[in-house]
Amino acid sequence: MQHVNAARLWLPDELPWWIKSPQLRPLYSWIRRLYSEDRRLPVMLIRDWVPTSKEARLAERAQIIECLTDGRELYNVEKELLGRQLPLV
């Protein structure tokens, strides 16, 4: 809900000028596009439970790498850093 609230869906369609970090603009533009098309909103899918936040972070990174390897479109800020770490094919 934090990302949906930050997308400010009540504002007119335009570049999300209120987002101070340019890296986050694609995420909020995507949320706004989803909502404007069919009033859809993103959902959170929990894939696994882990006992510590450190393990959660590692599991999240592994999932991001898997998605990048499969060529899926991601709006996660970490995709830039992790994407550069993938081996060239």
Protein backbone atom coordinates (compact mmCIF):
# COMPACT_ATOMS: atom_id res chain seq x y z
CA MET A 1 0.00 0.00 0.00
CA GLN A 2 2.96 2.32 0.56
CA HIS A 3 3.77 2.32 -3.17
CA VAL A 4 0.11 2.70 -4.19
CA ASN A 5 -0.29 5.68 -1.85
CA ALA A 6 2.92 7.26 -3.14
CA ALA A 7 1.65 6.90 -6.73
CA ARG A 8 -1.00 9.56 -5.95
CA LEU A 9 -3.64 8.05 -8.19
CA TRP A 10 -5.95 11.01 -7.63
CA LEU A 11 -3.61 13.37 -9.54
CA PRO A 12 -3.95 13.86 -13.31
CA ASP A 13 -1.88 11.62 -15.59
CA GLU A 14 1.55 13.11 -16.01
CA LEU A 15 5.15 12.45 -15.08
CA PRO A 16 5.19 11.77 -11.32
CA TRP A 17 6.98 15.04 -10.50
CA TRP A 18 6.53 14.56 -6.76
CA ILE A 19 8.87 11.57 -6.70
CA LYS A 20 12.23 12.97 -5.65
CA SER A 21 14.23 9.92 -6.72
CA PRO A 22 14.19 9.47 -10.53
CA GLN A 23 14.91 5.75 -10.01
CA LEU A 24 11.42 5.32 -8.50
CA ARG A 25 9.51 7.09 -11.27
CA PRO A 26 9.13 3.95 -13.45
CA LEU A 27 7.52 2.12 -10.51
CA TYR A 28 4.99 4.84 -9.85
CA SER A 29 4.32 5.37 -13.56
CA TRP A 30 3.62 1.63 -13.86
CA ILE A 31 1.20 1.69 -10.89
CA ARG A 32 -0.59 4.71 -12.36
CA ARG A 33 -0.79 3.00 -15.78
CA LEU A 34 -2.26 -0.17 -14.25
CA TYR A 35 -4.87 1.85 -12.41
CA SER A 36 -5.79 4.05 -15.36
CA GLU A 37 -6.26 1.08 -17.72
CA ASP A 38 -8.69 -1.09 -15.75
CA ARG A 39 -8.59 0.22 -12.18
CA ARG A 40 -6.10 -2.54 -11.39
CA LEU A 41 -3.60 -2.33 -8.55
CA PRO A 42 -0.45 -4.34 -7.90
CA VAL A 43 -0.55 -7.14 -5.35
CA MET A 44 2.07 -8.59 -3.07
CA LEU A 45 2.78 -12.27 -3.45
CA ILE A 46 4.49 -13.93 -0.50
CA ARG A 47 6.61 -16.78 -1.79
CA ASP A 48 8.21 -17.95 1.41
CA TRP A 49 8.52 -17.28 5.13
CA VAL A 50 12.00 -16.83 6.57
CA PRO A 51 12.99 -16.37 10.21
CA THR A 52 15.17 -13.25 9.94
CA SER A 53 15.22 -10.00 8.00
CA LYS A 54 18.69 -10.88 6.71
CA GLU A 55 17.33 -14.09 5.18
CA ALA A 56 14.38 -12.16 3.78
CA ARG A 57 16.75 -9.75 2.07
CA LEU A 58 18.75 -12.64 0.58
CA ALA A 59 15.56 -14.35 -0.61
CA GLU A 60 14.37 -11.09 -2.20
CA ARG A 61 17.70 -10.64 -4.01
CA ALA A 62 17.55 -14.22 -5.28
CA GLN A 63 14.03 -13.58 -6.62
CA ILE A 64 15.12 -10.35 -8.32
CA ILE A 65 18.05 -12.13 -9.98
CA GLU A 66 15.76 -14.94 -11.13
CA CYS A 67 13.34 -12.43 -12.67
CA LEU A 68 16.14 -10.52 -14.38
CA THR A 69 17.64 -13.75 -15.71
CA ASP A 70 14.24 -14.70 -17.14
CA GLY A 71 13.98 -11.27 -18.79
CA ARG A 72 10.98 -10.12 -16.77
CA GLU A 73 10.31 -6.42 -16.42
CA LEU A 74 11.05 -5.16 -12.92
CA TYR A 75 10.63 -1.75 -11.32
CA ASN A 76 12.67 -2.55 -8.24
CA VAL A 77 15.40 0.03 -7.55
CA GLU A 78 17.87 -2.79 -6.92
CA LYS A 79 17.45 -4.13 -10.44
CA GLU A 80 20.11 -1.73 -11.73
CA LEU A 81 22.73 -2.90 -9.27
CA LEU A 82 21.84 -6.58 -9.47
CA GLY A 83 21.40 -6.47 -13.24
CA ARG A 84 25.00 -5.33 -13.65
CA GLN A 85 26.11 -8.33 -11.60
CA LEU A 86 24.50 -10.88 -13.94
CA PRO A 87 26.90 -12.71 -16.25
CA LEU A 88 26.73 -11.70 -19.89
CA VAL A 89 25.19 -14.40 -22.04
